[in-house]
């Protein structure tokens, strides 16, 4: 039983130590960027981006982050626009 436990521990250490370094070394691909900006709108934390629906009541909050809630679609709904 002790030999089995020791073998399992050695295997875990060997694979655990090799996996992160091999994964990190082989990752040369560019990282994806987040397309939205974290903002506090109406007291709530949100991720805002151009084209998302917005509420006219929070226009001052959107302006603080460089957005405007003035773009209206044909159905009468407002969308964020980057100023």
PDB file of N, CA and C in Angstrom:
ATOM      1  N   UNK A   1       0.826  -1.192   0.000  1.00  0.00           N
ATOM      2  CA  UNK A   1       0.000   0.000   0.000  1.00  0.00           C
ATOM      3  C   UNK A   1       0.869   1.254   0.000  1.00  0.00           C
ATOM      4  N   UNK A   2       1.975   1.217   0.759  1.00  0.00           N
ATOM      5  CA  UNK A   2       2.852   2.382   0.821  1.00  0.00           C
ATOM      6  C   UNK A   2       3.527   2.618  -0.527  1.00  0.00           C
ATOM      7  N   UNK A   3       3.893   1.523  -1.219  1.00  0.00           N
ATOM      8  CA  UNK A   3       4.543   1.662  -2.525  1.00  0.00           C
ATOM      9  C   UNK A   3       3.578   2.282  -3.536  1.00  0.00           C
ATOM     10  N   UNK A   4       2.325   1.868  -3.490  1.00  0.00           N
ATOM     11  CA  UNK A   4       1.315   2.401  -4.399  1.00  0.00           C
ATOM     12  C   UNK A   4       1.076   3.888  -4.127  1.00  0.00           C
ATOM     13  N   UNK A   5       1.017   4.253  -2.858  1.00  0.00           N
ATOM     14  CA  UNK A   5       0.819   5.635  -2.481  1.00  0.00           C
ATOM     15  C   UNK A   5       2.017   6.495  -2.889  1.00  0.00           C
ATOM     16  N   UNK A   6       3.227   5.965  -2.707  1.00  0.00           N
ATOM     17  CA  UNK A   6       4.426   6.696  -3.087  1.00  0.00           C
ATOM     18  C   UNK A   6       4.501   6.861  -4.604  1.00  0.00           C
ATOM     19  N   UNK A   7       4.109   5.831  -5.351  1.00  0.00           N
ATOM     20  CA  UNK A   7       4.133   5.906  -6.807  1.00  0.00           C
ATOM     21  C   UNK A   7       3.105   6.933  -7.307  1.00  0.00           C
ATOM     22  N   UNK A   8       1.953   6.950  -6.688  1.00  0.00           N
ATOM     23  CA  UNK A   8       0.916   7.905  -7.087  1.00  0.00           C
ATOM     24  C   UNK A   8       1.360   9.336  -6.779  1.00  0.00           C
ATOM     25  N   UNK A   9       1.995   9.541  -5.647  1.00  0.00           N
ATOM     26  CA  UNK A   9       2.479  10.870  -5.285  1.00  0.00           C
ATOM     27  C   UNK A   9       3.582  11.317  -6.236  1.00  0.00           C
ATOM     28  N   UNK A  10       4.494  10.405  -6.599  1.00  0.00           N
ATOM     29  CA  UNK A  10       5.578  10.742  -7.523  1.00  0.00           C
ATOM     30  C   UNK A  10       5.024  11.076  -8.912  1.00  0.00           C
ATOM     31  N   UNK A  11       4.035  10.337  -9.351  1.00  0.00           N
ATOM     32  CA  UNK A  11       3.439  10.599 -10.660  1.00  0.00           C
ATOM     33  C   UNK A  11       2.718  11.949 -10.668  1.00  0.00           C
ATOM     34  N   UNK A  12       2.032  12.239  -9.580  1.00  0.00           N
ATOM     35  CA  UNK A  12       1.333  13.519  -9.485  1.00  0.00           C
ATOM     36  C   UNK A  12       2.318  14.670  -9.509  1.00  0.00           C
ATOM     37  N   UNK A  13       3.402  14.557  -8.780  1.00  0.00           N
ATOM     38  CA  UNK A  13       4.412  15.613  -8.761  1.00  0.00           C
ATOM     39  C   UNK A  13       5.085  15.762 -10.121  1.00  0.00           C
ATOM     40  N   UNK A  14       5.374  14.642 -10.770  1.00  0.00           N
ATOM     41  CA  UNK A  14       6.059  14.694 -12.068  1.00  0.00           C
ATOM     42  C   UNK A  14       5.169  15.340 -13.130  1.00  0.00           C
ATOM     43  N   UNK A  15       3.903  14.931 -13.193  1.00  0.00           N
ATOM     44  CA  UNK A  15       3.008  15.505 -14.193  1.00  0.00           C
ATOM     45  C   UNK A  15       2.578  16.914 -13.813  1.00  0.00           C
ATOM     46  N   UNK A  16       2.364  17.170 -12.555  1.00  0.00           N
ATOM     47  CA  UNK A  16       1.962  18.496 -12.103  1.00  0.00           C
ATOM     48  C   UNK A  16       3.046  19.529 -12.344  1.00  0.00           C
ATOM     49  N   UNK A  17       4.320  19.150 -12.178  1.00  0.00           N
ATOM     50  CA  UNK A  17       5.410  20.098 -12.382  1.00  0.00           C
ATOM     51  C   UNK A  17       5.673  20.326 -13.868  1.00  0.00           C
ATOM     52  N   UNK A  18       5.433  19.319 -14.703  1.00  0.00           N
ATOM     53  CA  UNK A  18       5.742  19.450 -16.127  1.00  0.00           C
ATOM     54  C   UNK A  18       4.623  20.154 -16.897  1.00  0.00           C
ATOM     55  N   UNK A  19       3.396  19.983 -16.467  1.00  0.00           N
ATOM     56  CA  UNK A  19       2.275  20.523 -17.225  1.00  0.00           C
ATOM     57  C   UNK A  19       2.252  22.046 -17.312  1.00  0.00           C
ATOM     58  N   UNK A  20       2.355  22.795 -16.216  1.00  0.00           N
ATOM     59  CA  UNK A  20       2.263  24.245 -16.353  1.00  0.00           C
ATOM     60  C   UNK A  20       3.400  24.847 -17.182  1.00  0.00           C
ATOM     61  N   UNK A  21       4.619  24.362 -17.029  1.00  0.00           N
ATOM     62  CA  UNK A  21       5.722  24.943 -17.786  1.00  0.00           C
ATOM     63  C   UNK A  21       5.596  24.625 -19.271  1.00  0.00           C
ATOM     64  N   UNK A  22       5.120  23.428 -19.612  1.00  0.00           N
ATOM     65  CA  UNK A  22       4.963  23.096 -21.024  1.00  0.00           C
ATOM     66  C   UNK A  22       3.810  23.873 -21.647  1.00  0.00           C
ATOM     67  N   UNK A  23       2.769  24.107 -20.874  1.00  0.00           N
ATOM     68  CA  UNK A  23       1.643  24.872 -21.386  1.00  0.00           C
ATOM     69  C   UNK A  23       2.053  26.322 -21.590  1.00  0.00           C
ATOM     70  N   UNK A  24       2.780  26.884 -20.634  1.00  0.00           N
ATOM     71  CA  UNK A  24       3.198  28.275 -20.748  1.00  0.00           C
ATOM     72  C   UNK A  24       4.228  28.472 -21.849  1.00  0.00           C
ATOM     73  N   UNK A  25       5.119  27.514 -22.032  1.00  0.00           N
ATOM     74  CA  UNK A  25       6.162  27.646 -23.042  1.00  0.00           C
ATOM     75  C   UNK A  25       5.595  27.554 -24.455  1.00  0.00           C
ATOM     76  N   UNK A  26       4.546  26.790 -24.669  1.00  0.00           N
ATOM     77  CA  UNK A  26       3.989  26.600 -25.994  1.00  0.00           C
ATOM     78  C   UNK A  26       2.909  27.604 -26.362  1.00  0.00           C
ATOM     79  N   UNK A  27       2.630  28.565 -25.501  1.00  0.00           N
ATOM     80  CA  UNK A  27       1.549  29.514 -25.752  1.00  0.00           C
ATOM     81  C   UNK A  27       2.107  30.803 -26.351  1.00  0.00           C
ATOM     82  N   UNK A  28       2.327  30.811 -27.684  1.00  0.00           N
ATOM     83  CA  UNK A  28       2.839  31.990 -28.359  1.00  0.00           C
ATOM     84  C   UNK A  28       1.743  32.764 -29.072  1.00  0.00           C
ATOM     85  N   UNK A  29       0.509  32.300 -29.001  1.00  0.00           N
ATOM     86  CA  UNK A  29      -0.595  32.953 -29.695  1.00  0.00           C
ATOM     87  C   UNK A  29      -0.945  34.269 -28.995  1.00  0.00           C
ATOM     88  N   UNK A  30      -1.380  35.279 -29.728  1.00  0.00           N
ATOM     89  CA  UNK A  30      -1.770  36.541 -29.091  1.00  0.00           C
ATOM     90  C   UNK A  30      -3.007  36.354 -28.226  1.00  0.00           C
ATOM     91  N   UNK A  31      -3.084  37.111 -27.165  1.00  0.00           N
ATOM     92  CA  UNK A  31      -4.212  37.023 -26.241  1.00  0.00           C
ATOM     93  C   UNK A  31      -5.364  37.879 -26.755  1.00  0.00           C
ATOM     94  N   UNK A  32      -6.574  37.417 -26.541  1.00  0.00           N
ATOM     95  CA  UNK A  32      -7.765  38.155 -26.962  1.00  0.00           C
ATOM     96  C   UNK A  32      -7.981  39.350 -26.039  1.00  0.00           C
ATOM     97  N   UNK A  33      -8.463  40.432 -26.593  1.00  0.00           N
ATOM     98  CA  UNK A  33      -8.740  41.626 -25.813  1.00  0.00           C
ATOM     99  C   UNK A  33     -10.236  41.701 -25.503  1.00  0.00           C
ATOM    100  N   UNK A  34     -10.565  42.253 -24.365  1.00  0.00           N
ATOM    101  CA  UNK A  34     -11.959  42.434 -24.002  1.00  0.00           C
ATOM    102  C   UNK A  34     -12.506  43.610 -24.801  1.00  0.00           C
ATOM    103  N   UNK A  35     -13.659  43.446 -25.401  1.00  0.00           N
ATOM    104  CA  UNK A  35     -14.223  44.464 -26.279  1.00  0.00           C
ATOM    105  C   UNK A  35     -15.113  45.445 -25.536  1.00  0.00           C
ATOM    106  N   UNK A  36     -15.240  45.308 -24.232  1.00  0.00           N
ATOM    107  CA  UNK A  36     -16.101  46.216 -23.486  1.00  0.00           C
ATOM    108  C   UNK A  36     -15.311  46.882 -22.363  1.00  0.00           C
ATOM    109  N   UNK A  37     -15.903  47.918 -21.793  1.00  0.00           N
ATOM    110  CA  UNK A  37     -15.255  48.680 -20.729  1.00  0.00           C
ATOM    111  C   UNK A  37     -16.063  48.516 -19.455  1.00  0.00           C
ATOM    112  N   UNK A  38     -15.374  48.190 -18.348  1.00  0.00           N
ATOM    113  CA  UNK A  38     -16.049  48.065 -17.063  1.00  0.00           C
ATOM    114  C   UNK A  38     -16.480  49.444 -16.602  1.00  0.00           C
ATOM    115  N   UNK A  39     -17.728  49.569 -16.188  1.00  0.00           N
ATOM    116  CA  UNK A  39     -18.270  50.859 -15.783  1.00  0.00           C
ATOM    117  C   UNK A  39     -19.326  50.653 -14.701  1.00  0.00           C
ATOM    118  N   UNK A  40     -19.545  51.698 -13.921  1.00  0.00           N
ATOM    119  CA  UNK A  40     -20.619  51.695 -12.937  1.00  0.00           C
ATOM    120  C   UNK A  40     -21.745  52.553 -13.492  1.00  0.00           C
ATOM    121  N   UNK A  41     -22.824  51.911 -13.860  1.00  0.00           N
ATOM    122  CA  UNK A  41     -23.977  52.582 -14.464  1.00  0.00           C
ATOM    123  C   UNK A  41     -25.174  52.385 -13.544  1.00  0.00           C
ATOM    124  N   UNK A  42     -25.725  53.466 -13.053  1.00  0.00           N
ATOM    125  CA  UNK A  42     -26.879  53.380 -12.155  1.00  0.00           C
ATOM    126  C   UNK A  42     -26.564  52.650 -10.868  1.00  0.00           C
ATOM    127  N   UNK A  43     -25.326  52.734 -10.404  1.00  0.00           N
ATOM    128  CA  UNK A  43     -24.924  52.076  -9.169  1.00  0.00           C
ATOM    129  C   UNK A  43     -24.567  50.609  -9.314  1.00  0.00           C
ATOM    130  N   UNK A  44     -24.618  50.074 -10.522  1.00  0.00           N
ATOM    131  CA  UNK A  44     -24.291  48.668 -10.756  1.00  0.00           C
ATOM    132  C   UNK A  44     -23.075  48.563 -11.668  1.00  0.00           C
ATOM    133  N   UNK A  45     -22.242  47.581 -11.442  1.00  0.00           N
ATOM    134  CA  UNK A  45     -21.075  47.353 -12.275  1.00  0.00           C
ATOM    135  C   UNK A  45     -21.494  46.630 -13.545  1.00  0.00           C
ATOM    136  N   UNK A  46     -21.136  47.201 -14.690  1.00  0.00           N
ATOM    137  CA  UNK A  46     -21.519  46.623 -15.988  1.00  0.00           C
ATOM    138  C   UNK A  46     -20.351  46.696 -16.945  1.00  0.00           C
ATOM    139  N   UNK A  47     -20.450  45.944 -17.995  1.00  0.00           N
ATOM    140  CA  UNK A  47     -19.478  45.974 -19.081  1.00  0.00           C
ATOM    141  C   UNK A  47     -20.187  46.625 -20.260  1.00  0.00           C
ATOM    142  N   UNK A  48     -19.739  47.835 -20.657  1.00  0.00           N
ATOM    143  CA  UNK A  48     -20.438  48.562 -21.708  1.00  0.00           C
ATOM    144  C   UNK A  48     -19.592  48.629 -22.970  1.00  0.00           C
ATOM    145  N   UNK A  49     -20.263  48.637 -24.115  1.00  0.00           N
ATOM    146  CA  UNK A  49     -19.601  48.726 -25.418  1.00  0.00           C
ATOM    147  C   UNK A  49     -20.547  49.390 -26.398  1.00  0.00           C
ATOM    148  N   UNK A  50     -19.995  49.926 -27.469  1.00  0.00           N
ATOM    149  CA  UNK A  50     -20.806  50.583 -28.495  1.00  0.00           C
ATOM    150  C   UNK A  50     -21.784  49.578 -29.097  1.00  0.00           C
ATOM    151  N   UNK A  51     -23.021  50.038 -29.308  1.00  0.00           N
ATOM    152  CA  UNK A  51     -24.042  49.192 -29.908  1.00  0.00           C
ATOM    153  C   UNK A  51     -24.954  48.518 -28.908  1.00  0.00           C
ATOM    154  N   UNK A  52     -24.586  48.498 -27.630  1.00  0.00           N
ATOM    155  CA  UNK A  52     -25.449  47.874 -26.629  1.00  0.00           C
ATOM    156  C   UNK A  52     -26.640  48.770 -26.323  1.00  0.00           C
ATOM    157  N   UNK A  53     -27.740  48.162 -25.859  1.00  0.00           N
ATOM    158  CA  UNK A  53     -28.897  48.933 -25.439  1.00  0.00           C
ATOM    159  C   UNK A  53     -28.517  49.781 -24.238  1.00  0.00           C
ATOM    160  N   UNK A  54     -29.134  50.948 -24.128  1.00  0.00           N
ATOM    161  CA  UNK A  54     -28.844  51.831 -23.007  1.00  0.00           C
ATOM    162  C   UNK A  54     -30.133  52.509 -22.545  1.00  0.00           C
ATOM    163  N   UNK A  55     -30.069  53.074 -21.352  1.00  0.00           N
ATOM    164  CA  UNK A  55     -31.203  53.799 -20.770  1.00  0.00           C
ATOM    165  C   UNK A  55     -30.856  55.279 -20.726  1.00  0.00           C
ATOM    166  N   UNK A  56     -31.735  56.112 -21.243  1.00  0.00           N
ATOM    167  CA  UNK A  56     -31.487  57.557 -21.286  1.00  0.00           C
ATOM    168  C   UNK A  56     -31.322  58.150 -19.887  1.00  0.00           C
ATOM    169  N   UNK A  57     -31.895  57.520 -18.888  1.00  0.00           N
ATOM    170  CA  UNK A  57     -31.804  58.025 -17.520  1.00  0.00           C
ATOM    171  C   UNK A  57     -30.366  58.032 -16.999  1.00  0.00           C
ATOM    172  N   UNK A  58     -29.503  57.194 -17.573  1.00  0.00           N
ATOM    173  CA  UNK A  58     -28.115  57.087 -17.116  1.00  0.00           C
ATOM    174  C   UNK A  58     -27.133  57.754 -18.072  1.00  0.00           C
ATOM    175  N   UNK A  59     -27.587  58.744 -18.819  1.00  0.00           N
ATOM    176  CA  UNK A  59     -26.735  59.425 -19.807  1.00  0.00           C
ATOM    177  C   UNK A  59     -25.472  60.001 -19.163  1.00  0.00           C
ATOM    178  N   UNK A  60     -25.581  60.582 -17.979  1.00  0.00           N
ATOM    179  CA  UNK A  60     -24.399  61.153 -17.310  1.00  0.00           C
ATOM    180  C   UNK A  60     -23.381  60.075 -16.974  1.00  0.00           C
ATOM    181  N   UNK A  61     -23.843  58.899 -16.575  1.00  0.00           N
ATOM    182  CA  UNK A  61     -22.924  57.791 -16.280  1.00  0.00           C
ATOM    183  C   UNK A  61     -22.209  57.339 -17.545  1.00  0.00           C
ATOM    184  N   UNK A  62     -22.931  57.239 -18.651  1.00  0.00           N
ATOM    185  CA  UNK A  62     -22.312  56.834 -19.914  1.00  0.00           C
ATOM    186  C   UNK A  62     -21.293  57.866 -20.379  1.00  0.00           C
ATOM    187  N   UNK A  63     -21.606  59.157 -20.215  1.00  0.00           N
ATOM    188  CA  UNK A  63     -20.685  60.212 -20.609  1.00  0.00           C
ATOM    189  C   UNK A  63     -19.371  60.140 -19.835  1.00  0.00           C
ATOM    190  N   UNK A  64     -19.423  59.734 -18.591  1.00  0.00           N
ATOM    191  CA  UNK A  64     -18.219  59.606 -17.762  1.00  0.00           C
ATOM    192  C   UNK A  64     -17.214  58.622 -18.381  1.00  0.00           C
ATOM    193  N   UNK A  65     -17.714  57.615 -19.094  1.00  0.00           N
ATOM    194  CA  UNK A  65     -16.853  56.600 -19.698  1.00  0.00           C
ATOM    195  C   UNK A  65     -16.645  56.807 -21.197  1.00  0.00           C
ATOM    196  N   UNK A  66     -17.084  57.940 -21.723  1.00  0.00           N
ATOM    197  CA  UNK A  66     -16.844  58.260 -23.127  1.00  0.00           C
ATOM    198  C   UNK A  66     -17.903  57.753 -24.094  1.00  0.00           C
ATOM    199  N   UNK A  67     -19.078  57.419 -23.590  1.00  0.00           N
ATOM    200  CA  UNK A  67     -20.154  56.915 -24.445  1.00  0.00           C
ATOM    201  C   UNK A  67     -21.332  57.871 -24.411  1.00  0.00           C
ATOM    202  N   UNK A  68     -22.186  57.759 -25.399  1.00  0.00           N
ATOM    203  CA  UNK A  68     -23.394  58.564 -25.479  1.00  0.00           C
ATOM    204  C   UNK A  68     -24.579  57.640 -25.759  1.00  0.00           C
ATOM    205  N   UNK A  69     -25.692  57.917 -25.091  1.00  0.00           N
ATOM    206  CA  UNK A  69     -26.899  57.113 -25.283  1.00  0.00           C
ATOM    207  C   UNK A  69     -27.877  57.904 -26.144  1.00  0.00           C
ATOM    208  N   UNK A  70     -27.469  58.231 -27.356  1.00  0.00           N
ATOM    209  CA  UNK A  70     -28.307  59.070 -28.209  1.00  0.00           C
ATOM    210  C   UNK A  70     -28.602  58.429 -29.563  1.00  0.00           C
ATOM    211  N   UNK A  71     -28.063  57.277 -29.823  1.00  0.00           N
ATOM    212  CA  UNK A  71     -28.275  56.600 -31.101  1.00  0.00           C
ATOM    213  C   UNK A  71     -29.562  55.780 -31.015  1.00  0.00           C
ATOM    214  N   UNK A  72     -30.568  56.173 -31.765  1.00  0.00           N
ATOM    215  CA  UNK A  72     -31.878  55.524 -31.698  1.00  0.00           C
ATOM    216  C   UNK A  72     -32.114  54.690 -32.949  1.00  0.00           C
ATOM    217  N   UNK A  73     -32.604  53.457 -32.758  1.00  0.00           N
ATOM    218  CA  UNK A  73     -32.889  52.605 -33.920  1.00  0.00           C
ATOM    219  C   UNK A  73     -34.322  52.829 -34.402  1.00  0.00           C
ATOM    220  N   UNK A  74     -34.722  52.126 -35.453  1.00  0.00           N
ATOM    221  CA  UNK A  74     -36.043  52.357 -36.037  1.00  0.00           C
ATOM    222  C   UNK A  74     -37.190  51.889 -35.144  1.00  0.00           C
ATOM    223  N   UNK A  75     -36.883  51.077 -34.128  1.00  0.00           N
ATOM    224  CA  UNK A  75     -37.909  50.628 -33.184  1.00  0.00           C
ATOM    225  C   UNK A  75     -38.031  51.544 -31.973  1.00  0.00           C
ATOM    226  N   UNK A  76     -37.201  52.595 -31.943  1.00  0.00           N
ATOM    227  CA  UNK A  76     -37.269  53.552 -30.843  1.00  0.00           C
ATOM    228  C   UNK A  76     -36.379  53.227 -29.664  1.00  0.00           C
ATOM    229  N   UNK A  77     -35.564  52.191 -29.763  1.00  0.00           N
ATOM    230  CA  UNK A  77     -34.666  51.832 -28.666  1.00  0.00           C
ATOM    231  C   UNK A  77     -33.338  52.547 -28.831  1.00  0.00           C
ATOM    232  N   UNK A  78     -32.727  52.903 -27.719  1.00  0.00           N
ATOM    233  CA  UNK A  78     -31.453  53.611 -27.729  1.00  0.00           C
ATOM    234  C   UNK A  78     -30.290  52.646 -27.613  1.00  0.00           C
ATOM    235  N   UNK A  79     -29.190  53.009 -28.272  1.00  0.00           N
ATOM    236  CA  UNK A  79     -27.963  52.199 -28.252  1.00  0.00           C
ATOM    237  C   UNK A  79     -26.780  53.102 -27.912  1.00  0.00           C
ATOM    238  N   UNK A  80     -25.756  52.519 -27.282  1.00  0.00           N
ATOM    239  CA  UNK A  80     -24.568  53.283 -26.937  1.00  0.00           C
ATOM    240  C   UNK A  80     -23.752  53.599 -28.174  1.00  0.00           C
ATOM    241  N   UNK A  81     -23.177  54.796 -28.173  1.00  0.00           N
ATOM    242  CA  UNK A  81     -22.276  55.212 -29.241  1.00  0.00           C
ATOM    243  C   UNK A  81     -21.040  55.790 -28.579  1.00  0.00           C
ATOM    244  N   UNK A  82     -19.855  55.426 -29.080  1.00  0.00           N
ATOM    245  CA  UNK A  82     -18.610  55.968 -28.540  1.00  0.00           C
ATOM    246  C   UNK A  82     -18.425  57.379 -29.081  1.00  0.00           C
ATOM    247  N   UNK A  83     -18.177  58.341 -28.192  1.00  0.00           N
ATOM    248  CA  UNK A  83     -18.016  59.740 -28.623  1.00  0.00           C
ATOM    249  C   UNK A  83     -16.609  60.002 -29.087  1.00  0.00           C
TER     250      UNK A  83
END
